[in-house]
Amino acid sequence: MNKAVGEKLKELRKTRGMELHHILEELNISESTYFRMEKGETATWTSKIDKICELYKIEPEELLLSKEKYLIISDFENYNGTINGNVSYNIPDKVSELYEGIIKQKDEIIKQKDEIIELLKSKL
């Protein structure tokens, strides 16, 4: 998922013509962290998802889903709960799965940070 989100971040930055220094300032991150997010090397974006969406004026689903899946969800919401066309899966379940994946990644990051803290405490 990091890779897909990273590609989306890169696409948004380029298509919106935003200055890198403005993005870094808004997200309160370093240039190296931002480029690691774009390359899919880090899950830092999970803790910045609200700010990212606000910055690019997008919904979280647009960041997390492919264009095709996002358009299906948008159409689904526009039809007030009725699905138009051939959709072979339950959309809310897919969104739920994506959010669960994000939560799992965030939990892993927290666990890693806790381990680092304990290691540092033991060296004091």
PDB file of N, CA and C in Angstrom:
ATOM      1  N   MET A   1       0.822  -1.188   0.000  1.00  0.00           N
ATOM      2  CA  MET A   1       0.000   0.000   0.000  1.00  0.00           C
ATOM      3  C   MET A   1       0.869   1.256   0.000  1.00  0.00           C
ATOM      4  N   ASN A   2       2.024   1.220   0.676  1.00  0.00           N
ATOM      5  CA  ASN A   2       2.897   2.389   0.712  1.00  0.00           C
ATOM      6  C   ASN A   2       3.299   2.820  -0.693  1.00  0.00           C
ATOM      7  N   LYS A   3       3.588   1.845  -1.540  1.00  0.00           N
ATOM      8  CA  LYS A   3       4.013   2.132  -2.912  1.00  0.00           C
ATOM      9  C   LYS A   3       2.892   2.821  -3.687  1.00  0.00           C
ATOM     10  N   ALA A   4       1.673   2.307  -3.575  1.00  0.00           N
ATOM     11  CA  ALA A   4       0.534   2.888  -4.297  1.00  0.00           C
ATOM     12  C   ALA A   4       0.250   4.307  -3.823  1.00  0.00           C
ATOM     13  N   VAL A   5       0.287   4.519  -2.520  1.00  0.00           N
ATOM     14  CA  VAL A   5       0.056   5.862  -1.976  1.00  0.00           C
ATOM     15  C   VAL A   5       1.190   6.790  -2.404  1.00  0.00           C
ATOM     16  N   GLY A   6       2.409   6.279  -2.381  1.00  0.00           N
ATOM     17  CA  GLY A   6       3.554   7.081  -2.806  1.00  0.00           C
ATOM     18  C   GLY A   6       3.415   7.554  -4.245  1.00  0.00           C
ATOM     19  N   GLU A   7       2.996   6.651  -5.112  1.00  0.00           N
ATOM     20  CA  GLU A   7       2.787   7.014  -6.518  1.00  0.00           C
ATOM     21  C   GLU A   7       1.695   8.075  -6.636  1.00  0.00           C
ATOM     22  N   LYS A   8       0.651   7.941  -5.835  1.00  0.00           N
ATOM     23  CA  LYS A   8      -0.442   8.917  -5.858  1.00  0.00           C
ATOM     24  C   LYS A   8       0.056  10.277  -5.364  1.00  0.00           C
ATOM     25  N   LEU A   9       0.882  10.295  -4.314  1.00  0.00           N
ATOM     26  CA  LEU A   9       1.441  11.550  -3.810  1.00  0.00           C
ATOM     27  C   LEU A   9       2.285  12.247  -4.875  1.00  0.00           C
ATOM     28  N   LYS A  10       3.098  11.467  -5.557  1.00  0.00           N
ATOM     29  CA  LYS A  10       3.947  12.029  -6.612  1.00  0.00           C
ATOM     30  C   LYS A  10       3.084  12.609  -7.734  1.00  0.00           C
ATOM     31  N   GLU A  11       2.074  11.857  -8.123  1.00  0.00           N
ATOM     32  CA  GLU A  11       1.160  12.313  -9.173  1.00  0.00           C
ATOM     33  C   GLU A  11       0.460  13.614  -8.761  1.00  0.00           C
ATOM     34  N   LEU A  12      -0.025  13.668  -7.528  1.00  0.00           N
ATOM     35  CA  LEU A  12      -0.714  14.867  -7.044  1.00  0.00           C
ATOM     36  C   LEU A  12       0.224  16.077  -7.032  1.00  0.00           C
ATOM     37  N   ARG A  13       1.442  15.868  -6.545  1.00  0.00           N
ATOM     38  CA  ARG A  13       2.399  16.967  -6.480  1.00  0.00           C
ATOM     39  C   ARG A  13       2.680  17.524  -7.871  1.00  0.00           C
ATOM     40  N   LYS A  14       2.865  16.628  -8.833  1.00  0.00           N
ATOM     41  CA  LYS A  14       3.201  17.071 -10.182  1.00  0.00           C
ATOM     42  C   LYS A  14       1.999  17.684 -10.902  1.00  0.00           C
ATOM     43  N   THR A  15       0.851  17.037 -10.810  1.00  0.00           N
ATOM     44  CA  THR A  15      -0.314  17.541 -11.541  1.00  0.00           C
ATOM     45  C   THR A  15      -0.876  18.822 -10.947  1.00  0.00           C
ATOM     46  N   ARG A  16      -0.700  19.002  -9.655  1.00  0.00           N
ATOM     47  CA  ARG A  16      -1.205  20.221  -9.016  1.00  0.00           C
ATOM     48  C   ARG A  16      -0.185  21.353  -9.056  1.00  0.00           C
ATOM     49  N   GLY A  17       1.044  21.036  -9.477  1.00  0.00           N
ATOM     50  CA  GLY A  17       2.077  22.055  -9.602  1.00  0.00           C
ATOM     51  C   GLY A  17       2.419  22.737  -8.289  1.00  0.00           C
ATOM     52  N   MET A  18       2.362  21.981  -7.205  1.00  0.00           N
ATOM     53  CA  MET A  18       2.637  22.568  -5.895  1.00  0.00           C
ATOM     54  C   MET A  18       4.140  22.627  -5.639  1.00  0.00           C
ATOM     55  N   GLU A  19       4.546  23.690  -5.004  1.00  0.00           N
ATOM     56  CA  GLU A  19       5.948  23.852  -4.637  1.00  0.00           C
ATOM     57  C   GLU A  19       6.292  22.899  -3.496  1.00  0.00           C
ATOM     58  N   LEU A  20       7.431  22.239  -3.609  1.00  0.00           N
ATOM     59  CA  LEU A  20       7.841  21.270  -2.604  1.00  0.00           C
ATOM     60  C   LEU A  20       7.953  21.903  -1.223  1.00  0.00           C
ATOM     61  N   HIS A  21       8.516  23.087  -1.137  1.00  0.00           N
ATOM     62  CA  HIS A  21       8.687  23.722   0.180  1.00  0.00           C
ATOM     63  C   HIS A  21       7.327  23.960   0.849  1.00  0.00           C
ATOM     64  N   HIS A  22       6.302  24.251   0.059  1.00  0.00           N
ATOM     65  CA  HIS A  22       4.956  24.456   0.609  1.00  0.00           C
ATOM     66  C   HIS A  22       4.400  23.133   1.166  1.00  0.00           C
ATOM     67  N   ILE A  23       4.590  22.056   0.428  1.00  0.00           N
ATOM     68  CA  ILE A  23       4.123  20.733   0.877  1.00  0.00           C
ATOM     69  C   ILE A  23       4.815  20.347   2.176  1.00  0.00           C
ATOM     70  N   LEU A  24       6.137  20.516   2.211  1.00  0.00           N
ATOM     71  CA  LEU A  24       6.921  20.155   3.402  1.00  0.00           C
ATOM     72  C   LEU A  24       6.476  20.969   4.615  1.00  0.00           C
ATOM     73  N   GLU A  25       6.220  22.238   4.387  1.00  0.00           N
ATOM     74  CA  GLU A  25       5.786  23.112   5.479  1.00  0.00           C
ATOM     75  C   GLU A  25       4.407  22.691   5.993  1.00  0.00           C
ATOM     76  N   GLU A  26       3.490  22.424   5.085  1.00  0.00           N
ATOM     77  CA  GLU A  26       2.133  22.041   5.476  1.00  0.00           C
ATOM     78  C   GLU A  26       2.104  20.701   6.220  1.00  0.00           C
ATOM     79  N   LEU A  27       2.942  19.757   5.776  1.00  0.00           N
ATOM     80  CA  LEU A  27       2.962  18.431   6.403  1.00  0.00           C
ATOM     81  C   LEU A  27       3.928  18.363   7.585  1.00  0.00           C
ATOM     82  N   ASN A  28       4.751  19.391   7.737  1.00  0.00           N
ATOM     83  CA  ASN A  28       5.721  19.454   8.820  1.00  0.00           C
ATOM     84  C   ASN A  28       6.660  18.240   8.808  1.00  0.00           C
ATOM     85  N   ILE A  29       7.241  18.005   7.626  1.00  0.00           N
ATOM     86  CA  ILE A  29       8.182  16.900   7.461  1.00  0.00           C
ATOM     87  C   ILE A  29       9.384  17.381   6.655  1.00  0.00           C
ATOM     88  N   SER A  30      10.448  16.582   6.694  1.00  0.00           N
ATOM     89  CA  SER A  30      11.654  16.923   5.936  1.00  0.00           C
ATOM     90  C   SER A  30      11.500  16.487   4.487  1.00  0.00           C
ATOM     91  N   GLU A  31      12.362  17.023   3.652  1.00  0.00           N
ATOM     92  CA  GLU A  31      12.356  16.659   2.234  1.00  0.00           C
ATOM     93  C   GLU A  31      12.631  15.166   2.055  1.00  0.00           C
ATOM     94  N   SER A  32      13.599  14.650   2.823  1.00  0.00           N
ATOM     95  CA  SER A  32      13.936  13.222   2.682  1.00  0.00           C
ATOM     96  C   SER A  32      12.761  12.340   3.092  1.00  0.00           C
ATOM     97  N   THR A  33      12.029  12.726   4.127  1.00  0.00           N
ATOM     98  CA  THR A  33      10.855  11.957   4.547  1.00  0.00           C
ATOM     99  C   THR A  33       9.800  11.980   3.458  1.00  0.00           C
ATOM    100  N   TYR A  34       9.570  13.157   2.864  1.00  0.00           N
ATOM    101  CA  TYR A  34       8.559  13.258   1.820  1.00  0.00           C
ATOM    102  C   TYR A  34       8.922  12.363   0.629  1.00  0.00           C
ATOM    103  N   PHE A  35      10.175  12.415   0.193  1.00  0.00           N
ATOM    104  CA  PHE A  35      10.566  11.600  -0.960  1.00  0.00           C
ATOM    105  C   PHE A  35      10.543  10.106  -0.633  1.00  0.00           C
ATOM    106  N   ARG A  36      10.797   9.743   0.615  1.00  0.00           N
ATOM    107  CA  ARG A  36      10.666   8.338   1.023  1.00  0.00           C
ATOM    108  C   ARG A  36       9.195   7.921   0.951  1.00  0.00           C
ATOM    109  N   MET A  37       8.280   8.837   1.295  1.00  0.00           N
ATOM    110  CA  MET A  37       6.847   8.547   1.177  1.00  0.00           C
ATOM    111  C   MET A  37       6.492   8.340  -0.289  1.00  0.00           C
ATOM    112  N   GLU A  38       6.980   9.195  -1.169  1.00  0.00           N
ATOM    113  CA  GLU A  38       6.690   9.068  -2.595  1.00  0.00           C
ATOM    114  C   GLU A  38       7.232   7.769  -3.178  1.00  0.00           C
ATOM    115  N   LYS A  39       8.367   7.307  -2.660  1.00  0.00           N
ATOM    116  CA  LYS A  39       8.965   6.063  -3.157  1.00  0.00           C
ATOM    117  C   LYS A  39       8.324   4.821  -2.531  1.00  0.00           C
ATOM    118  N   GLY A  40       7.458   5.028  -1.547  1.00  0.00           N
ATOM    119  CA  GLY A  40       6.816   3.900  -0.890  1.00  0.00           C
ATOM    120  C   GLY A  40       7.707   3.224   0.132  1.00  0.00           C
ATOM    121  N   GLU A  41       8.720   3.912   0.602  1.00  0.00           N
ATOM    122  CA  GLU A  41       9.680   3.341   1.541  1.00  0.00           C
ATOM    123  C   GLU A  41       9.283   3.524   3.000  1.00  0.00           C
ATOM    124  N   THR A  42       8.214   4.255   3.246  1.00  0.00           N
ATOM    125  CA  THR A  42       7.800   4.523   4.619  1.00  0.00           C
ATOM    126  C   THR A  42       6.279   4.642   4.686  1.00  0.00           C
ATOM    127  N   ALA A  43       5.750   4.404   5.872  1.00  0.00           N
ATOM    128  CA  ALA A  43       4.304   4.544   6.084  1.00  0.00           C
ATOM    129  C   ALA A  43       3.996   5.834   6.848  1.00  0.00           C
ATOM    130  N   THR A  44       4.905   6.791   6.783  1.00  0.00           N
ATOM    131  CA  THR A  44       4.709   8.068   7.473  1.00  0.00           C
ATOM    132  C   THR A  44       3.403   8.729   7.057  1.00  0.00           C
ATOM    133  N   TRP A  45       2.987   8.511   5.823  1.00  0.00           N
ATOM    134  CA  TRP A  45       1.761   9.134   5.314  1.00  0.00           C
ATOM    135  C   TRP A  45       0.548   8.776   6.165  1.00  0.00           C
ATOM    136  N   THR A  46       0.594   7.616   6.854  1.00  0.00           N
ATOM    137  CA  THR A  46      -0.574   7.202   7.645  1.00  0.00           C
ATOM    138  C   THR A  46      -0.866   8.197   8.759  1.00  0.00           C
ATOM    139  N   SER A  47       0.184   8.787   9.314  1.00  0.00           N
ATOM    140  CA  SER A  47      -0.032   9.758  10.392  1.00  0.00           C
ATOM    141  C   SER A  47      -0.309  11.157   9.838  1.00  0.00           C
ATOM    142  N   LYS A  48      -0.171  11.330   8.537  1.00  0.00           N
ATOM    143  CA  LYS A  48      -0.355  12.641   7.902  1.00  0.00           C
ATOM    144  C   LYS A  48      -1.542  12.649   6.941  1.00  0.00           C
ATOM    145  N   ILE A  49      -2.332  11.584   6.938  1.00  0.00           N
ATOM    146  CA  ILE A  49      -3.372  11.438   5.914  1.00  0.00           C
ATOM    147  C   ILE A  49      -4.360  12.603   5.915  1.00  0.00           C
ATOM    148  N   ASP A  50      -4.745  13.080   7.084  1.00  0.00           N
ATOM    149  CA  ASP A  50      -5.697  14.198   7.135  1.00  0.00           C
ATOM    150  C   ASP A  50      -5.096  15.458   6.514  1.00  0.00           C
ATOM    151  N   LYS A  51      -3.847  15.736   6.855  1.00  0.00           N
ATOM    152  CA  LYS A  51      -3.193  16.939   6.310  1.00  0.00           C
ATOM    153  C   LYS A  51      -2.955  16.803   4.811  1.00  0.00           C
ATOM    154  N   ILE A  52      -2.599  15.599   4.367  1.00  0.00           N
ATOM    155  CA  ILE A  52      -2.388  15.363   2.938  1.00  0.00           C
ATOM    156  C   ILE A  52      -3.684  15.620   2.174  1.00  0.00           C
ATOM    157  N   CYS A  53      -4.774  15.077   2.681  1.00  0.00           N
ATOM    158  CA  CYS A  53      -6.065  15.238   2.009  1.00  0.00           C
ATOM    159  C   CYS A  53      -6.507  16.697   2.013  1.00  0.00           C
ATOM    160  N   GLU A  54      -6.254  17.381   3.095  1.00  0.00           N
ATOM    161  CA  GLU A  54      -6.597  18.804   3.183  1.00  0.00           C
ATOM    162  C   GLU A  54      -5.742  19.609   2.196  1.00  0.00           C
ATOM    163  N   LEU A  55      -4.463  19.296   2.137  1.00  0.00           N
ATOM    164  CA  LEU A  55      -3.537  20.007   1.262  1.00  0.00           C
ATOM    165  C   LEU A  55      -3.940  19.877  -0.208  1.00  0.00           C
ATOM    166  N   TYR A  56      -4.252  18.652  -0.625  1.00  0.00           N
ATOM    167  CA  TYR A  56      -4.593  18.398  -2.026  1.00  0.00           C
ATOM    168  C   TYR A  56      -6.093  18.488  -2.310  1.00  0.00           C
ATOM    169  N   LYS A  57      -6.872  18.765  -1.255  1.00  0.00           N
ATOM    170  CA  LYS A  57      -8.329  18.882  -1.384  1.00  0.00           C
ATOM    171  C   LYS A  57      -8.936  17.617  -2.002  1.00  0.00           C
ATOM    172  N   ILE A  58      -8.599  16.482  -1.373  1.00  0.00           N
ATOM    173  CA  ILE A  58      -9.119  15.189  -1.812  1.00  0.00           C
ATOM    174  C   ILE A  58      -9.687  14.445  -0.612  1.00  0.00           C
ATOM    175  N   GLU A  59     -10.470  13.426  -0.885  1.00  0.00           N
ATOM    176  CA  GLU A  59     -10.982  12.542   0.149  1.00  0.00           C
ATOM    177  C   GLU A  59      -9.956  11.438   0.399  1.00  0.00           C
ATOM    178  N   PRO A  60      -9.914  10.869   1.607  1.00  0.00           N
ATOM    179  CA  PRO A  60      -8.959   9.782   1.878  1.00  0.00           C
ATOM    180  C   PRO A  60      -9.087   8.624   0.889  1.00  0.00           C
ATOM    181  N   GLU A  61     -10.305   8.324   0.477  1.00  0.00           N
ATOM    182  CA  GLU A  61     -10.516   7.231  -0.472  1.00  0.00           C
ATOM    183  C   GLU A  61      -9.781   7.474  -1.779  1.00  0.00           C
ATOM    184  N   GLU A  62      -9.730   8.739  -2.195  1.00  0.00           N
ATOM    185  CA  GLU A  62      -9.050   9.074  -3.444  1.00  0.00           C
ATOM    186  C   GLU A  62      -7.550   8.814  -3.334  1.00  0.00           C
ATOM    187  N   LEU A  63      -7.007   9.008  -2.153  1.00  0.00           N
ATOM    188  CA  LEU A  63      -5.584   8.747  -1.926  1.00  0.00           C
ATOM    189  C   LEU A  63      -5.306   7.243  -1.852  1.00  0.00           C
ATOM    190  N   LEU A  64      -6.238   6.504  -1.273  1.00  0.00           N
ATOM    191  CA  LEU A  64      -6.001   5.088  -0.981  1.00  0.00           C
ATOM    192  C   LEU A  64      -6.392   4.132  -2.099  1.00  0.00           C
ATOM    193  N   LEU A  65      -7.329   4.533  -2.925  1.00  0.00           N
ATOM    194  CA  LEU A  65      -7.836   3.636  -3.954  1.00  0.00           C
ATOM    195  C   LEU A  65      -7.307   4.016  -5.326  1.00  0.00           C
ATOM    196  N   SER A  66      -7.319   3.047  -6.224  1.00  0.00           N
ATOM    197  CA  SER A  66      -6.990   3.359  -7.611  1.00  0.00           C
ATOM    198  C   SER A  66      -8.083   4.273  -8.162  1.00  0.00           C
ATOM    199  N   LYS A  67      -7.790   4.933  -9.267  1.00  0.00           N
ATOM    200  CA  LYS A  67      -8.780   5.834  -9.855  1.00  0.00           C
ATOM    201  C   LYS A  67     -10.085   5.115 -10.157  1.00  0.00           C
ATOM    202  N   GLU A  68      -9.976   3.895 -10.684  1.00  0.00           N
ATOM    203  CA  GLU A  68     -11.170   3.148 -11.062  1.00  0.00           C
ATOM    204  C   GLU A  68     -12.046   2.854  -9.846  1.00  0.00           C
ATOM    205  N   LYS A  69     -11.439   2.388  -8.767  1.00  0.00           N
ATOM    206  CA  LYS A  69     -12.206   2.067  -7.567  1.00  0.00           C
ATOM    207  C   LYS A  69     -12.784   3.319  -6.935  1.00  0.00           C
ATOM    208  N   TYR A  70     -12.018   4.411  -6.960  1.00  0.00           N
ATOM    209  CA  TYR A  70     -12.529   5.658  -6.398  1.00  0.00           C
ATOM    210  C   TYR A  70     -13.728   6.153  -7.192  1.00  0.00           C
ATOM    211  N   LEU A  71     -13.669   6.056  -8.515  1.00  0.00           N
ATOM    212  CA  LEU A  71     -14.799   6.486  -9.342  1.00  0.00           C
ATOM    213  C   LEU A  71     -16.030   5.634  -9.073  1.00  0.00           C
ATOM    214  N   ILE A  72     -15.839   4.345  -8.850  1.00  0.00           N
ATOM    215  CA  ILE A  72     -16.969   3.462  -8.527  1.00  0.00           C
ATOM    216  C   ILE A  72     -17.595   3.901  -7.212  1.00  0.00           C
ATOM    217  N   ILE A  73     -16.754   4.196  -6.218  1.00  0.00           N
ATOM    218  CA  ILE A  73     -17.278   4.637  -4.925  1.00  0.00           C
ATOM    219  C   ILE A  73     -17.997   5.965  -5.077  1.00  0.00           C
ATOM    220  N   SER A  74     -17.420   6.891  -5.844  1.00  0.00           N
ATOM    221  CA  SER A  74     -18.069   8.187  -6.056  1.00  0.00           C
ATOM    222  C   SER A  74     -19.426   8.001  -6.710  1.00  0.00           C
ATOM    223  N   ASP A  75     -19.482   7.146  -7.729  1.00  0.00           N
ATOM    224  CA  ASP A  75     -20.757   6.869  -8.393  1.00  0.00           C
ATOM    225  C   ASP A  75     -21.733   6.243  -7.416  1.00  0.00           C
ATOM    226  N   PHE A  76     -21.227   5.334  -6.604  1.00  0.00           N
ATOM    227  CA  PHE A  76     -22.066   4.657  -5.611  1.00  0.00           C
ATOM    228  C   PHE A  76     -22.701   5.674  -4.670  1.00  0.00           C
ATOM    229  N   GLU A  77     -21.898   6.604  -4.186  1.00  0.00           N
ATOM    230  CA  GLU A  77     -22.423   7.617  -3.266  1.00  0.00           C
ATOM    231  C   GLU A  77     -23.404   8.558  -3.966  1.00  0.00           C
ATOM    232  N   ASN A  78     -23.169   8.837  -5.238  1.00  0.00           N
ATOM    233  CA  ASN A  78     -24.066   9.716  -5.988  1.00  0.00           C
ATOM    234  C   ASN A  78     -25.437   9.087  -6.215  1.00  0.00           C
ATOM    235  N   TYR A  79     -25.502   7.767  -6.225  1.00  0.00           N
ATOM    236  CA  TYR A  79     -26.772   7.082  -6.462  1.00  0.00           C
ATOM    237  C   TYR A  79     -27.489   6.715  -5.173  1.00  0.00           C
ATOM    238  N   ASN A  80     -27.078   7.309  -4.065  1.00  0.00           N
ATOM    239  CA  ASN A  80     -27.738   7.108  -2.772  1.00  0.00           C
ATOM    240  C   ASN A  80     -27.932   5.630  -2.418  1.00  0.00           C
ATOM    241  N   GLY A  81     -26.882   4.883  -2.562  1.00  0.00           N
ATOM    242  CA  GLY A  81     -26.941   3.498  -2.107  1.00  0.00           C
ATOM    243  C   GLY A  81     -27.293   2.488  -3.174  1.00  0.00           C
ATOM    244  N   THR A  82     -27.625   2.905  -4.372  1.00  0.00           N
ATOM    245  CA  THR A  82     -27.883   1.940  -5.432  1.00  0.00           C
ATOM    246  C   THR A  82     -26.684   1.923  -6.360  1.00  0.00           C
ATOM    247  N   ILE A  83     -26.246   0.746  -6.720  1.00  0.00           N
ATOM    248  CA  ILE A  83     -25.066   0.619  -7.567  1.00  0.00           C
ATOM    249  C   ILE A  83     -25.518   0.502  -9.012  1.00  0.00           C
ATOM    250  N   ASN A  84     -24.949   1.361  -9.853  1.00  0.00           N
ATOM    251  CA  ASN A  84     -25.257   1.351 -11.274  1.00  0.00           C
ATOM    252  C   ASN A  84     -24.106   0.662 -12.001  1.00  0.00           C
ATOM    253  N   GLY A  85     -24.381  -0.351 -12.783  1.00  0.00           N
ATOM    254  CA  GLY A  85     -23.332  -1.034 -13.526  1.00  0.00           C
ATOM    255  C   GLY A  85     -22.969  -2.351 -12.878  1.00  0.00           C
ATOM    256  N   ASN A  86     -21.961  -3.001 -13.441  1.00  0.00           N
ATOM    257  CA  ASN A  86     -21.533  -4.316 -12.967  1.00  0.00           C
ATOM    258  C   ASN A  86     -20.406  -4.170 -11.961  1.00  0.00           C
ATOM    259  N   VAL A  87     -20.728  -4.189 -10.698  1.00  0.00           N
ATOM    260  CA  VAL A  87     -19.738  -4.122  -9.634  1.00  0.00           C
ATOM    261  C   VAL A  87     -19.778  -5.454  -8.916  1.00  0.00           C
ATOM    262  N   SER A  88     -18.629  -6.118  -8.853  1.00  0.00           N
ATOM    263  CA  SER A  88     -18.623  -7.478  -8.334  1.00  0.00           C
ATOM    264  C   SER A  88     -18.196  -7.589  -6.887  1.00  0.00           C
ATOM    265  N   TYR A  89     -18.077  -6.472  -6.186  1.00  0.00           N
ATOM    266  CA  TYR A  89     -17.714  -6.547  -4.781  1.00  0.00           C
ATOM    267  C   TYR A  89     -18.461  -5.486  -4.002  1.00  0.00           C
ATOM    268  N   ASN A  90     -18.473  -5.688  -2.700  1.00  0.00           N
ATOM    269  CA  ASN A  90     -19.160  -4.765  -1.810  1.00  0.00           C
ATOM    270  C   ASN A  90     -18.226  -3.600  -1.510  1.00  0.00           C
ATOM    271  N   ILE A  91     -18.539  -2.426  -1.970  1.00  0.00           N
ATOM    272  CA  ILE A  91     -17.651  -1.273  -1.851  1.00  0.00           C
ATOM    273  C   ILE A  91     -17.305  -0.939  -0.403  1.00  0.00           C
ATOM    274  N   PRO A  92     -18.284  -0.853   0.501  1.00  0.00           N
ATOM    275  CA  PRO A  92     -17.903  -0.528   1.879  1.00  0.00           C
ATOM    276  C   PRO A  92     -16.914  -1.527   2.472  1.00  0.00           C
ATOM    277  N   ASP A  93     -17.016  -2.796   2.105  1.00  0.00           N
ATOM    278  CA  ASP A  93     -16.072  -3.790   2.604  1.00  0.00           C
ATOM    279  C   ASP A  93     -14.658  -3.496   2.110  1.00  0.00           C
ATOM    280  N   LYS A  94     -14.520  -3.084   0.861  1.00  0.00           N
ATOM    281  CA  LYS A  94     -13.197  -2.771   0.313  1.00  0.00           C
ATOM    282  C   LYS A  94     -12.582  -1.570   1.037  1.00  0.00           C
ATOM    283  N   VAL A  95     -13.369  -0.554   1.259  1.00  0.00           N
ATOM    284  CA  VAL A  95     -12.870   0.624   1.967  1.00  0.00           C
ATOM    285  C   VAL A  95     -12.464   0.229   3.380  1.00  0.00           C
ATOM    286  N   SER A  96     -13.279  -0.584   4.013  1.00  0.00           N
ATOM    287  CA  SER A  96     -12.977  -1.058   5.358  1.00  0.00           C
ATOM    288  C   SER A  96     -11.655  -1.832   5.377  1.00  0.00           C
ATOM    289  N   GLU A  97     -11.438  -2.683   4.388  1.00  0.00           N
ATOM    290  CA  GLU A  97     -10.191  -3.443   4.307  1.00  0.00           C
ATOM    291  C   GLU A  97      -8.985  -2.514   4.171  1.00  0.00           C
ATOM    292  N   LEU A  98      -9.131  -1.461   3.378  1.00  0.00           N
ATOM    293  CA  LEU A  98      -8.035  -0.512   3.205  1.00  0.00           C
ATOM    294  C   LEU A  98      -7.711   0.195   4.514  1.00  0.00           C
ATOM    295  N   TYR A  99      -8.742   0.636   5.208  1.00  0.00           N
ATOM    296  CA  TYR A  99      -8.512   1.305   6.490  1.00  0.00           C
ATOM    297  C   TYR A  99      -7.899   0.351   7.506  1.00  0.00           C
ATOM    298  N   GLU A 100      -8.324  -0.903   7.505  1.00  0.00           N
ATOM    299  CA  GLU A 100      -7.739  -1.876   8.419  1.00  0.00           C
ATOM    300  C   GLU A 100      -6.257  -2.074   8.119  1.00  0.00           C
ATOM    301  N   GLY A 101      -5.906  -2.057   6.838  1.00  0.00           N
ATOM    302  CA  GLY A 101      -4.499  -2.169   6.451  1.00  0.00           C
ATOM    303  C   GLY A 101      -3.681  -0.991   6.956  1.00  0.00           C
ATOM    304  N   ILE A 102      -4.260   0.191   6.862  1.00  0.00           N
ATOM    305  CA  ILE A 102      -3.581   1.399   7.344  1.00  0.00           C
ATOM    306  C   ILE A 102      -3.390   1.324   8.851  1.00  0.00           C
ATOM    307  N   ILE A 103      -4.424   0.906   9.553  1.00  0.00           N
ATOM    308  CA  ILE A 103      -4.343   0.791  11.009  1.00  0.00           C
ATOM    309  C   ILE A 103      -3.272  -0.229  11.402  1.00  0.00           C
ATOM    310  N   LYS A 104      -3.214  -1.330  10.674  1.00  0.00           N
ATOM    311  CA  LYS A 104      -2.210  -2.355  10.960  1.00  0.00           C
ATOM    312  C   LYS A 104      -0.802  -1.788  10.764  1.00  0.00           C
ATOM    313  N   GLN A 105      -0.599  -1.039   9.675  1.00  0.00           N
ATOM    314  CA  GLN A 105       0.708  -0.434   9.438  1.00  0.00           C
ATOM    315  C   GLN A 105       1.063   0.548  10.542  1.00  0.00           C
ATOM    316  N   LYS A 106       0.091   1.329  10.962  1.00  0.00           N
ATOM    317  CA  LYS A 106       0.338   2.308  12.025  1.00  0.00           C
ATOM    318  C   LYS A 106       0.681   1.584  13.325  1.00  0.00           C
ATOM    319  N   ASP A 107      -0.019   0.494  13.634  1.00  0.00           N
ATOM    320  CA  ASP A 107       0.278  -0.291  14.834  1.00  0.00           C
ATOM    321  C   ASP A 107       1.702  -0.845  14.790  1.00  0.00           C
ATOM    322  N   GLU A 108       2.138  -1.277  13.603  1.00  0.00           N
ATOM    323  CA  GLU A 108       3.496  -1.794  13.454  1.00  0.00           C
ATOM    324  C   GLU A 108       4.529  -0.692  13.708  1.00  0.00           C
ATOM    325  N   ILE A 109       4.246   0.499  13.220  1.00  0.00           N
ATOM    326  CA  ILE A 109       5.150   1.632  13.435  1.00  0.00           C
ATOM    327  C   ILE A 109       5.233   1.959  14.923  1.00  0.00           C
ATOM    328  N   ILE A 110       4.097   1.968  15.592  1.00  0.00           N
ATOM    329  CA  ILE A 110       4.077   2.256  17.029  1.00  0.00           C
ATOM    330  C   ILE A 110       4.866   1.195  17.790  1.00  0.00           C
ATOM    331  N   LYS A 111       4.695  -0.061  17.398  1.00  0.00           N
ATOM    332  CA  LYS A 111       5.429  -1.146  18.055  1.00  0.00           C
ATOM    333  C   LYS A 111       6.941  -0.956  17.872  1.00  0.00           C
ATOM    334  N   GLN A 112       7.347  -0.600  16.656  1.00  0.00           N
ATOM    335  CA  GLN A 112       8.767  -0.367  16.393  1.00  0.00           C
ATOM    336  C   GLN A 112       9.294   0.796  17.228  1.00  0.00           C
ATOM    337  N   LYS A 113       8.518   1.852  17.321  1.00  0.00           N
ATOM    338  CA  LYS A 113       8.938   3.008  18.125  1.00  0.00           C
ATOM    339  C   LYS A 113       9.055   2.620  19.596  1.00  0.00           C
ATOM    340  N   ASP A 114       8.107   1.834  20.102  1.00  0.00           N
ATOM    341  CA  ASP A 114       8.164   1.380  21.494  1.00  0.00           C
ATOM    342  C   ASP A 114       9.413   0.551  21.755  1.00  0.00           C
ATOM    343  N   GLU A 115       9.765  -0.308  20.797  1.00  0.00           N
ATOM    344  CA  GLU A 115      10.960  -1.127  20.940  1.00  0.00           C
ATOM    345  C   GLU A 115      12.219  -0.258  20.972  1.00  0.00           C
ATOM    346  N   ILE A 116      12.246   0.754  20.139  1.00  0.00           N
ATOM    347  CA  ILE A 116      13.395   1.672  20.116  1.00  0.00           C
ATOM    348  C   ILE A 116      13.496   2.425  21.441  1.00  0.00           C
ATOM    349  N   ILE A 117      12.366   2.877  21.960  1.00  0.00           N
ATOM    350  CA  ILE A 117      12.346   3.586  23.242  1.00  0.00           C
ATOM    351  C   ILE A 117      12.876   2.689  24.356  1.00  0.00           C
ATOM    352  N   GLU A 118      12.415   1.452  24.395  1.00  0.00           N
ATOM    353  CA  GLU A 118      12.886   0.514  25.422  1.00  0.00           C
ATOM    354  C   GLU A 118      14.384   0.260  25.285  1.00  0.00           C
ATOM    355  N   LEU A 119      14.856   0.139  24.062  1.00  0.00           N
ATOM    356  CA  LEU A 119      16.288  -0.069  23.831  1.00  0.00           C
ATOM    357  C   LEU A 119      17.084   1.133  24.341  1.00  0.00           C
ATOM    358  N   LEU A 120      16.605   2.316  24.019  1.00  0.00           N
ATOM    359  CA  LEU A 120      17.297   3.524  24.474  1.00  0.00           C
ATOM    360  C   LEU A 120      17.273   3.665  25.984  1.00  0.00           C
ATOM    361  N   LYS A 121      16.146   3.316  26.604  1.00  0.00           N
ATOM    362  CA  LYS A 121      16.046   3.361  28.068  1.00  0.00           C
ATOM    363  C   LYS A 121      17.036   2.407  28.723  1.00  0.00           C
ATOM    364  N   SER A 122      17.210   1.238  28.121  1.00  0.00           N
ATOM    365  CA  SER A 122      18.120   0.239  28.689  1.00  0.00           C
ATOM    366  C   SER A 122      19.571   0.680  28.610  1.00  0.00           C
ATOM    367  N   LYS A 123      19.867   1.600  27.695  1.00  0.00           N
ATOM    368  CA  LYS A 123      21.241   2.067  27.548  1.00  0.00           C
ATOM    369  C   LYS A 123      21.548   3.262  28.460  1.00  0.00           C
ATOM    370  N   LEU A 124      20.540   3.763  29.149  1.00  0.00           N
ATOM    371  CA  LEU A 124      20.762   4.905  30.053  1.00  0.00           C
ATOM    372  C   LEU A 124      21.395   4.482  31.357  1.00  0.00           C
TER     373      LEU A 124
END
